[in-house]
C-alpha atoms as a PDB file:
ATOM      1  CA  UNK A   1      -2.591  19.731  -3.766  1.00  0.00           C
ATOM      2  CA  UNK A   2      -1.077  19.522  -7.181  1.00  0.00           C
ATOM      3  CA  UNK A   3       0.785  17.123  -9.394  1.00  0.00           C
ATOM      4  CA  UNK A   4       3.136  18.011 -12.229  1.00  0.00           C
ATOM      5  CA  UNK A   5       2.623  17.041 -15.835  1.00  0.00           C
ATOM      6  CA  UNK A   6       5.934  15.127 -15.648  1.00  0.00           C
ATOM      7  CA  UNK A   7       4.651  13.089 -12.699  1.00  0.00           C
ATOM      8  CA  UNK A   8       1.368  12.377 -14.464  1.00  0.00           C
ATOM      9  CA  UNK A   9       3.312  11.214 -17.525  1.00  0.00           C
ATOM     10  CA  UNK A  10       5.518   8.971 -15.351  1.00  0.00           C
ATOM     11  CA  UNK A  11       2.461   7.475 -13.636  1.00  0.00           C
ATOM     12  CA  UNK A  12       0.763   6.945 -17.002  1.00  0.00           C
ATOM     13  CA  UNK A  13       3.850   5.078 -18.159  1.00  0.00           C
ATOM     14  CA  UNK A  14       3.852   2.962 -14.973  1.00  0.00           C
ATOM     15  CA  UNK A  15       0.158   2.105 -15.277  1.00  0.00           C
ATOM     16  CA  UNK A  16       0.029   1.755 -19.039  1.00  0.00           C
ATOM     17  CA  UNK A  17      -2.947   4.118 -19.112  1.00  0.00           C
ATOM     18  CA  UNK A  18      -3.836   7.678 -18.224  1.00  0.00           C
ATOM     19  CA  UNK A  19      -4.161   8.095 -14.458  1.00  0.00           C
ATOM     20  CA  UNK A  20      -7.464   9.420 -13.156  1.00  0.00           C
ATOM     21  CA  UNK A  21      -8.155  11.701 -10.228  1.00  0.00           C
ATOM     22  CA  UNK A  22      -4.520  12.062  -9.165  1.00  0.00           C
ATOM     23  CA  UNK A  23      -4.037  14.843  -6.620  1.00  0.00           C
ATOM     24  CA  UNK A  24      -0.398  14.345  -5.685  1.00  0.00           C
ATOM     25  CA  UNK A  25       2.504  11.945  -5.564  1.00  0.00           C
ATOM     26  CA  UNK A  26       2.379  10.788  -1.944  1.00  0.00           C
ATOM     27  CA  UNK A  27       5.492   8.620  -2.072  1.00  0.00           C
ATOM     28  CA  UNK A  28       8.594   8.598  -4.252  1.00  0.00           C
ATOM     29  CA  UNK A  29      10.955   5.674  -4.284  1.00  0.00           C
ATOM     30  CA  UNK A  30      14.598   6.224  -3.343  1.00  0.00           C
ATOM     31  CA  UNK A  31      15.443   6.217  -7.053  1.00  0.00           C
ATOM     32  CA  UNK A  32      12.982   9.092  -7.609  1.00  0.00           C
ATOM     33  CA  UNK A  33      10.097   7.320  -9.326  1.00  0.00           C
ATOM     34  CA  UNK A  34       6.524   8.004  -8.233  1.00  0.00           C
ATOM     35  CA  UNK A  35       5.422   5.026  -6.153  1.00  0.00           C
ATOM     36  CA  UNK A  36       2.095   6.050  -4.623  1.00  0.00           C
ATOM     37  CA  UNK A  37      -0.402   8.671  -5.686  1.00  0.00           C
ATOM     38  CA  UNK A  38      -3.189  10.225  -3.671  1.00  0.00           C
ATOM     39  CA  UNK A  39      -6.440  10.096  -5.610  1.00  0.00           C
ATOM     40  CA  UNK A  40      -9.632  12.102  -5.388  1.00  0.00           C
ATOM     41  CA  UNK A  41     -12.556  10.319  -3.716  1.00  0.00           C
ATOM     42  CA  UNK A  42     -14.504  10.876  -6.944  1.00  0.00           C
ATOM     43  CA  UNK A  43     -13.054  10.537 -10.402  1.00  0.00           C
ATOM     44  CA  UNK A  44     -13.512  13.402 -12.870  1.00  0.00           C
ATOM     45  CA  UNK A  45     -16.654  11.732 -14.254  1.00  0.00           C
ATOM     46  CA  UNK A  46     -18.176  11.579 -10.739  1.00  0.00           C
ATOM     47  CA  UNK A  47     -17.557   7.870 -10.147  1.00  0.00           C
ATOM     48  CA  UNK A  48     -16.756   7.202  -6.468  1.00  0.00           C
ATOM     49  CA  UNK A  49     -13.164   6.031  -6.012  1.00  0.00           C
ATOM     50  CA  UNK A  50     -12.573   5.295  -2.332  1.00  0.00           C
ATOM     51  CA  UNK A  51      -8.916   4.251  -2.740  1.00  0.00           C
ATOM     52  CA  UNK A  52      -7.085   7.249  -1.294  1.00  0.00           C
ATOM     53  CA  UNK A  53      -3.557   5.910  -1.859  1.00  0.00           C
ATOM     54  CA  UNK A  54      -2.916   4.055  -5.101  1.00  0.00           C
ATOM     55  CA  UNK A  55       0.233   2.002  -5.724  1.00  0.00           C
ATOM     56  CA  UNK A  56       1.748   2.858  -9.117  1.00  0.00           C
ATOM     57  CA  UNK A  57       5.345   1.613  -9.216  1.00  0.00           C
ATOM     58  CA  UNK A  58       5.337  -1.706 -11.145  1.00  0.00           C
ATOM     59  CA  UNK A  59       8.077  -3.109  -8.915  1.00  0.00           C
ATOM     60  CA  UNK A  60       5.832  -2.576  -5.900  1.00  0.00           C
ATOM     61  CA  UNK A  61       2.622  -3.752  -7.541  1.00  0.00           C
ATOM     62  CA  UNK A  62       4.320  -6.934  -8.751  1.00  0.00           C
ATOM     63  CA  UNK A  63       5.722  -7.685  -5.326  1.00  0.00           C
ATOM     64  CA  UNK A  64       2.371  -6.978  -3.633  1.00  0.00           C
ATOM     65  CA  UNK A  65       0.853  -9.566  -5.978  1.00  0.00           C
ATOM     66  CA  UNK A  66       3.589 -12.090  -5.141  1.00  0.00           C
ATOM     67  CA  UNK A  67       2.925 -11.616  -1.421  1.00  0.00           C
ATOM     68  CA  UNK A  68      -0.801 -12.108  -2.001  1.00  0.00           C
ATOM     69  CA  UNK A  69      -0.170 -15.344  -3.926  1.00  0.00           C
ATOM     70  CA  UNK A  70       2.013 -16.546  -1.025  1.00  0.00           C
ATOM     71  CA  UNK A  71      -1.000 -16.136   1.333  1.00  0.00           C
ATOM     72  CA  UNK A  72       0.366 -13.229   3.353  1.00  0.00           C
ATOM     73  CA  UNK A  73      -3.153 -11.718   3.565  1.00  0.00           C
ATOM     74  CA  UNK A  74      -4.484 -14.922   5.141  1.00  0.00           C
ATOM     75  CA  UNK A  75      -1.654 -14.897   7.694  1.00  0.00           C
ATOM     76  CA  UNK A  76      -2.290 -11.247   8.539  1.00  0.00           C
ATOM     77  CA  UNK A  77      -6.071 -11.740   8.769  1.00  0.00           C
ATOM     78  CA  UNK A  78      -5.642 -14.701  11.126  1.00  0.00           C
ATOM     79  CA  UNK A  79      -3.380 -12.648  13.396  1.00  0.00           C
ATOM     80  CA  UNK A  80      -5.803  -9.750  13.211  1.00  0.00           C
ATOM     81  CA  UNK A  81      -8.708 -11.926  14.343  1.00  0.00           C
ATOM     82  CA  UNK A  82      -6.813 -13.034  17.470  1.00  0.00           C
ATOM     83  CA  UNK A  83      -4.850  -9.964  18.568  1.00  0.00           C
ATOM     84  CA  UNK A  84      -6.734  -7.101  20.227  1.00  0.00           C
ATOM     85  CA  UNK A  85      -3.755  -4.733  20.080  1.00  0.00           C
ATOM     86  CA  UNK A  86      -3.337  -5.381  16.356  1.00  0.00           C
ATOM     87  CA  UNK A  87      -7.100  -4.887  15.877  1.00  0.00           C
ATOM     88  CA  UNK A  88      -6.942  -1.503  17.657  1.00  0.00           C
ATOM     89  CA  UNK A  89      -3.944  -0.441  15.571  1.00  0.00           C
ATOM     90  CA  UNK A  90      -5.694  -1.453  12.330  1.00  0.00           C
ATOM     91  CA  UNK A  91      -8.901   0.330  13.371  1.00  0.00           C
ATOM     92  CA  UNK A  92      -6.921   3.534  14.039  1.00  0.00           C
ATOM     93  CA  UNK A  93      -5.364   3.208  10.582  1.00  0.00           C
ATOM     94  CA  UNK A  94      -8.831   2.752   9.081  1.00  0.00           C
ATOM     95  CA  UNK A  95     -10.189   5.812  10.895  1.00  0.00           C
ATOM     96  CA  UNK A  96      -7.208   7.935   9.842  1.00  0.00           C
ATOM     97  CA  UNK A  97      -7.638   6.808   6.224  1.00  0.00           C
ATOM     98  CA  UNK A  98     -11.304   7.843   6.296  1.00  0.00           C
ATOM     99  CA  UNK A  99     -10.491  11.194   7.916  1.00  0.00           C
ATOM    100  CA  UNK A 100      -7.833  11.953   5.310  1.00  0.00           C
ATOM    101  CA  UNK A 101     -10.142  11.022   2.443  1.00  0.00           C
ATOM    102  CA  UNK A 102     -13.048  12.947   3.937  1.00  0.00           C
ATOM    103  CA  UNK A 103     -10.894  16.096   4.141  1.00  0.00           C
ATOM    104  CA  UNK A 104     -10.908  15.992   0.351  1.00  0.00           C
ATOM    105  CA  UNK A 105     -14.509  14.852  -0.138  1.00  0.00           C
ATOM    106  CA  UNK A 106     -16.801  12.791   2.079  1.00  0.00           C
ATOM    107  CA  UNK A 107     -18.218   9.835   0.180  1.00  0.00           C
ATOM    108  CA  UNK A 108     -20.692   9.174   2.983  1.00  0.00           C
ATOM    109  CA  UNK A 109     -19.306   5.676   3.536  1.00  0.00           C
ATOM    110  CA  UNK A 110     -17.153   3.999   6.138  1.00  0.00           C
ATOM    111  CA  UNK A 111     -15.379   1.872   3.520  1.00  0.00           C
ATOM    112  CA  UNK A 112     -11.681   2.655   3.494  1.00  0.00           C
ATOM    113  CA  UNK A 113      -9.592   0.080   1.668  1.00  0.00           C
ATOM    114  CA  UNK A 114      -7.622  -3.100   1.865  1.00  0.00           C
ATOM    115  CA  UNK A 115     -10.282  -4.789   3.989  1.00  0.00           C
ATOM    116  CA  UNK A 116      -9.843  -2.372   6.902  1.00  0.00           C
ATOM    117  CA  UNK A 117     -10.770  -2.519   9.700  1.00  0.00           C
ATOM    118  CA  UNK A 118     -11.762  -6.188   9.987  1.00  0.00           C
ATOM    119  CA  UNK A 119      -9.583  -8.143   7.568  1.00  0.00           C
ATOM    120  CA  UNK A 120      -6.678  -7.880   5.172  1.00  0.00           C
ATOM    121  CA  UNK A 121      -7.995  -7.991   1.637  1.00  0.00           C
ATOM    122  CA  UNK A 122      -5.463  -6.152  -0.532  1.00  0.00           C
ATOM    123  CA  UNK A 123      -1.740  -5.769   0.064  1.00  0.00           C
ATOM    124  CA  UNK A 124      -1.504  -3.217  -2.747  1.00  0.00           C
ATOM    125  CA  UNK A 125      -3.615  -0.843  -0.626  1.00  0.00           C
ATOM    126  CA  UNK A 126      -1.723  -1.613   2.600  1.00  0.00           C
ATOM    127  CA  UNK A 127       1.654  -1.071   0.960  1.00  0.00           C
ATOM    128  CA  UNK A 128       0.536   2.164  -0.719  1.00  0.00           C
ATOM    129  CA  UNK A 129      -0.950   3.482   2.521  1.00  0.00           C
ATOM    130  CA  UNK A 130       2.090   2.557   4.610  1.00  0.00           C
ATOM    131  CA  UNK A 131       4.544   4.089   2.139  1.00  0.00           C
ATOM    132  CA  UNK A 132       2.505   7.307   1.963  1.00  0.00           C
ATOM    133  CA  UNK A 133       2.204   7.620   5.755  1.00  0.00           C
ATOM    134  CA  UNK A 134       5.516   6.090   6.909  1.00  0.00           C
ATOM    135  CA  UNK A 135       6.623   2.991   8.826  1.00  0.00           C
ATOM    136  CA  UNK A 136       5.261   4.059  12.197  1.00  0.00           C
ATOM    137  CA  UNK A 137       1.677   4.588  11.040  1.00  0.00           C
ATOM    138  CA  UNK A 138       0.269   1.045  11.315  1.00  0.00           C
ATOM    139  CA  UNK A 139       1.742  -2.378  11.997  1.00  0.00           C
ATOM    140  CA  UNK A 140       0.325  -4.436   9.123  1.00  0.00           C
ATOM    141  CA  UNK A 141       1.374  -1.798   6.604  1.00  0.00           C
ATOM    142  CA  UNK A 142       4.878  -1.664   8.061  1.00  0.00           C
ATOM    143  CA  UNK A 143       5.064  -5.463   7.821  1.00  0.00           C
ATOM    144  CA  UNK A 144       3.749  -5.600   4.251  1.00  0.00           C
ATOM    145  CA  UNK A 145       6.334  -3.065   3.066  1.00  0.00           C
ATOM    146  CA  UNK A 146       9.132  -4.874   4.940  1.00  0.00           C
ATOM    147  CA  UNK A 147       8.116  -8.145   3.298  1.00  0.00           C
ATOM    148  CA  UNK A 148       8.048  -6.500  -0.139  1.00  0.00           C
ATOM    149  CA  UNK A 149      11.444  -4.923   0.487  1.00  0.00           C
ATOM    150  CA  UNK A 150      13.084  -8.125   1.631  1.00  0.00           C
ATOM    151  CA  UNK A 151      11.410 -10.747  -0.548  1.00  0.00           C
ATOM    152  CA  UNK A 152      11.449  -8.588  -3.671  1.00  0.00           C
ATOM    153  CA  UNK A 153      14.948  -7.211  -3.027  1.00  0.00           C
ATOM    154  CA  UNK A 154      13.498  -3.706  -3.385  1.00  0.00           C
ATOM    155  CA  UNK A 155      15.286  -2.040  -0.476  1.00  0.00           C
ATOM    156  CA  UNK A 156      17.148   1.027  -1.717  1.00  0.00           C
ATOM    157  CA  UNK A 157      15.423   1.106  -5.108  1.00  0.00           C
ATOM    158  CA  UNK A 158      11.632   1.066  -4.650  1.00  0.00           C
ATOM    159  CA  UNK A 159      11.641   1.052  -0.817  1.00  0.00           C
ATOM    160  CA  UNK A 160      13.810   3.130   1.542  1.00  0.00           C
ATOM    161  CA  UNK A 161      16.868   1.392   2.955  1.00  0.00           C
ATOM    162  CA  UNK A 162      15.888   2.416   6.484  1.00  0.00           C
ATOM    163  CA  UNK A 163      12.430   0.776   6.384  1.00  0.00           C
ATOM    164  CA  UNK A 164      12.244  -1.865   9.165  1.00  0.00           C
ATOM    165  CA  UNK A 165      13.327  -5.318   8.011  1.00  0.00           C
ATOM    166  CA  UNK A 166      11.402  -8.563   8.321  1.00  0.00           C
ATOM    167  CA  UNK A 167      14.102  -9.777  10.684  1.00  0.00           C
ATOM    168  CA  UNK A 168      13.619  -6.726  12.927  1.00  0.00           C
ATOM    169  CA  UNK A 169       9.858  -7.349  12.865  1.00  0.00           C
ATOM    170  CA  UNK A 170      10.228 -11.052  13.661  1.00  0.00           C
ATOM    171  CA  UNK A 171       8.826 -12.228  10.323  1.00  0.00           C
ATOM    172  CA  UNK A 172      10.228 -15.393   8.776  1.00  0.00           C
ATOM    173  CA  UNK A 173       9.631 -15.238   5.025  1.00  0.00           C
ATOM    174  CA  UNK A 174      10.328 -18.979   4.808  1.00  0.00           C
ATOM    175  CA  UNK A 175       6.917 -19.635   6.399  1.00  0.00           C
ATOM    176  CA  UNK A 176       5.218 -18.520   3.183  1.00  0.00           C
ATOM    177  CA  UNK A 177       4.839 -20.528  -0.011  1.00  0.00           C
ATOM    178  CA  UNK A 178       6.374 -18.433  -2.765  1.00  0.00           C
ATOM    179  CA  UNK A 179       6.554 -21.365  -5.195  1.00  0.00           C
ATOM    180  CA  UNK A 180       3.839 -19.795  -7.364  1.00  0.00           C
ATOM    181  CA  UNK A 181       5.151 -16.275  -6.851  1.00  0.00           C
ATOM    182  CA  UNK A 182       8.815 -16.416  -7.735  1.00  0.00           C
ATOM    183  CA  UNK A 183      10.685 -13.171  -8.226  1.00  0.00           C
ATOM    184  CA  UNK A 184      12.110 -12.909 -11.747  1.00  0.00           C
ATOM    185  CA  UNK A 185      15.909 -12.678 -11.677  1.00  0.00           C
END
Protein backbone atom coordinates (compact mmCIF):
# COMPACT_ATOMS: atom_id res chain seq x y z
CA UNK A 1 0.00 0.00 0.00
CA UNK A 2 1.15 3.48 -0.74
CA UNK A 3 -0.14 7.01 -0.86
CA UNK A 4 1.24 9.86 -2.94
CA UNK A 5 2.63 13.07 -1.53
CA UNK A 6 -0.11 14.94 -3.46
CA UNK A 7 -2.80 12.86 -1.75
CA UNK A 8 -1.23 13.41 1.66
CA UNK A 9 -1.15 17.16 0.97
CA UNK A 10 -4.82 17.10 -0.11
CA UNK A 11 -5.81 15.17 3.03
CA UNK A 12 -3.80 17.56 5.20
CA UNK A 13 -5.69 20.44 3.62
CA UNK A 14 -9.02 18.68 4.24
CA UNK A 15 -8.21 17.93 7.88
CA UNK A 16 -6.40 21.15 8.66
CA UNK A 17 -3.50 19.13 10.07
CA UNK A 18 -0.95 16.58 8.96
CA UNK A 19 -2.55 13.15 8.52
CA UNK A 20 -1.08 10.30 10.54
CA UNK A 21 -0.67 6.66 9.61
CA UNK A 22 -2.26 6.97 6.17
CA UNK A 23 -1.68 3.88 4.04
CA UNK A 24 -3.85 4.65 1.03
CA UNK A 25 -6.77 6.62 -0.30
CA UNK A 26 -9.57 4.05 -0.11
CA UNK A 27 -12.26 6.21 -1.70
CA UNK A 28 -12.19 9.17 -4.06
CA UNK A 29 -15.24 11.29 -4.64
CA UNK A 30 -16.62 11.63 -8.17
CA UNK A 31 -14.92 15.02 -8.40
CA UNK A 32 -11.55 13.38 -7.62
CA UNK A 33 -10.96 14.48 -4.04
CA UNK A 34 -9.76 11.97 -1.45
CA UNK A 35 -12.77 11.07 0.68
CA UNK A 36 -11.64 8.15 2.83
CA UNK A 37 -8.18 7.01 3.83
CA UNK A 38 -7.10 3.66 5.19
CA UNK A 39 -5.00 4.13 8.31
CA UNK A 40 -2.46 1.93 10.03
CA UNK A 41 -3.69 0.21 13.20
CA UNK A 42 -0.83 1.94 15.03
CA UNK A 43 0.26 5.48 14.42
CA UNK A 44 3.95 6.17 13.73
CA UNK A 45 4.53 6.86 17.44
CA UNK A 46 3.05 3.44 18.35
CA UNK A 47 -0.32 4.72 19.57
CA UNK A 48 -3.10 2.24 18.72
CA UNK A 49 -5.51 3.68 16.14
CA UNK A 50 -8.27 1.14 15.51
CA UNK A 51 -10.14 3.27 12.93
CA UNK A 52 -9.28 1.49 9.68
CA UNK A 53 -11.24 3.82 7.39
CA UNK A 54 -11.13 7.53 8.19
CA UNK A 55 -13.48 10.06 6.58
CA UNK A 56 -11.53 13.08 5.31
CA UNK A 57 -13.69 15.01 2.84
CA UNK A 58 -15.18 18.00 4.75
CA UNK A 59 -18.43 17.74 2.78
CA UNK A 60 -18.86 14.18 4.05
CA UNK A 61 -17.73 14.85 7.61
CA UNK A 62 -20.11 17.81 7.88
CA UNK A 63 -23.03 15.80 6.58
CA UNK A 64 -22.22 12.86 8.89
CA UNK A 65 -22.39 15.33 11.78
CA UNK A 66 -25.74 16.69 10.56
CA UNK A 67 -27.15 13.16 10.40
CA UNK A 68 -25.90 12.47 13.92
CA UNK A 69 -27.55 15.65 15.23
CA UNK A 70 -30.81 14.55 13.56
CA UNK A 71 -30.70 11.31 15.63
CA UNK A 72 -30.06 8.92 12.75
CA UNK A 73 -27.78 6.82 15.00
CA UNK A 74 -30.60 6.35 17.52
CA UNK A 75 -32.96 5.27 14.73
CA UNK A 76 -30.41 2.81 13.36
CA UNK A 77 -29.57 1.43 16.82
CA UNK A 78 -33.26 0.86 17.60
CA UNK A 79 -33.72 -1.04 14.34
CA UNK A 80 -30.55 -2.99 15.01
CA UNK A 81 -31.80 -4.10 18.43
CA UNK A 82 -35.00 -5.53 16.93
CA UNK A 83 -33.95 -7.00 13.58
CA UNK A 84 -31.99 -10.27 13.56
CA UNK A 85 -31.16 -10.03 9.86
CA UNK A 86 -29.79 -6.52 10.32
CA UNK A 87 -27.82 -7.71 13.37
CA UNK A 88 -26.25 -10.54 11.33
CA UNK A 89 -25.37 -8.15 8.51
CA UNK A 90 -23.78 -5.68 10.95
CA UNK A 91 -21.84 -8.47 12.69
CA UNK A 92 -20.46 -9.63 9.31
CA UNK A 93 -19.39 -6.05 8.60
CA UNK A 94 -17.70 -5.89 12.01
CA UNK A 95 -15.87 -9.18 11.42
CA UNK A 96 -14.73 -8.09 7.95
CA UNK A 97 -13.48 -4.77 9.37
CA UNK A 98 -11.44 -6.62 12.00
CA UNK A 99 -10.04 -9.06 9.43
CA UNK A 100 -8.99 -6.23 7.12
CA UNK A 101 -7.34 -4.31 9.95
CA UNK A 102 -5.65 -7.43 11.30
CA UNK A 103 -4.11 -8.12 7.87
CA UNK A 104 -2.14 -4.93 8.44
CA UNK A 105 -1.47 -5.38 12.16
CA UNK A 106 -3.44 -7.21 14.85
CA UNK A 107 -4.16 -4.92 17.78
CA UNK A 108 -5.31 -7.88 19.86
CA UNK A 109 -8.77 -6.37 20.32
CA UNK A 110 -12.22 -7.04 18.94
CA UNK A 111 -13.05 -3.32 18.82
CA UNK A 112 -13.75 -2.26 15.26
CA UNK A 113 -15.47 1.10 14.98
CA UNK A 114 -18.70 2.99 14.82
CA UNK A 115 -20.20 0.95 17.66
CA UNK A 116 -20.08 -2.32 15.70
CA UNK A 117 -21.38 -4.92 16.19
CA UNK A 118 -23.98 -4.00 18.81
CA UNK A 119 -24.94 -0.37 18.23
CA UNK A 120 -24.47 2.58 15.93
CA UNK A 121 -22.18 5.08 17.59
CA UNK A 122 -20.50 7.05 14.80
CA UNK A 123 -21.84 7.77 11.33
CA UNK A 124 -18.46 9.12 10.24
CA UNK A 125 -17.04 5.59 10.60
CA UNK A 126 -20.04 3.93 8.92
CA UNK A 127 -19.94 6.32 5.97
CA UNK A 128 -16.17 5.95 5.56
CA UNK A 129 -16.38 2.16 5.76
CA UNK A 130 -19.29 1.93 3.32
CA UNK A 131 -17.66 4.25 0.79
CA UNK A 132 -14.38 2.30 0.98
CA UNK A 133 -16.09 -1.09 0.57
CA UNK A 134 -19.05 -0.19 -1.68
CA UNK A 135 -22.84 -0.08 -1.36
CA UNK A 136 -23.37 -3.82 -1.17
CA UNK A 137 -21.07 -4.41 1.81
CA UNK A 138 -23.43 -3.68 4.73
CA UNK A 139 -26.93 -2.27 5.06
CA UNK A 140 -26.45 0.45 7.68
CA UNK A 141 -23.44 1.83 5.81
CA UNK A 142 -25.37 1.86 2.54
CA UNK A 143 -28.20 3.71 4.28
CA UNK A 144 -25.92 6.24 5.96
CA UNK A 145 -24.25 7.13 2.65
CA UNK A 146 -27.64 7.36 0.88
CA UNK A 147 -28.89 9.71 3.59
CA UNK A 148 -25.75 11.85 3.30
CA UNK A 149 -26.08 11.93 -0.48
CA UNK A 150 -29.73 12.92 -0.46
CA UNK A 151 -29.96 15.20 2.56
CA UNK A 152 -26.64 16.91 1.88
CA UNK A 153 -27.17 17.09 -1.89
CA UNK A 154 -23.79 15.40 -2.32
CA UNK A 155 -24.72 12.94 -5.07
CA UNK A 156 -22.37 13.38 -8.02
CA UNK A 157 -19.86 15.53 -6.12
CA UNK A 158 -18.80 13.77 -2.90
CA UNK A 159 -20.89 10.59 -3.42
CA UNK A 160 -21.34 8.57 -6.63
CA UNK A 161 -24.51 9.25 -8.59
CA UNK A 162 -25.29 5.53 -8.72
CA UNK A 163 -25.27 5.02 -4.93
CA UNK A 164 -28.72 3.74 -3.84
CA UNK A 165 -31.12 6.54 -2.91
CA UNK A 166 -33.08 6.92 0.30
CA UNK A 167 -36.24 6.46 -1.74
CA UNK A 168 -34.95 3.15 -3.13
CA UNK A 169 -34.07 2.07 0.42
CA UNK A 170 -37.45 3.09 1.82
CA UNK A 171 -36.05 5.84 4.05
CA UNK A 172 -38.13 8.96 4.61
CA UNK A 173 -35.77 11.79 5.55
CA UNK A 174 -38.76 13.79 6.83
CA UNK A 175 -38.91 11.48 9.87
CA UNK A 176 -35.72 13.06 11.21
CA UNK A 177 -35.40 16.41 12.96
CA UNK A 178 -32.85 18.39 10.98
CA UNK A 179 -33.84 21.70 12.59
CA UNK A 180 -30.51 21.85 14.44
CA UNK A 181 -28.56 20.44 11.51
CA UNK A 182 -29.49 22.58 8.55
CA UNK A 183 -27.40 22.33 5.41
CA UNK A 184 -25.81 25.67 4.53
CA UNK A 185 -27.01 26.91 1.14
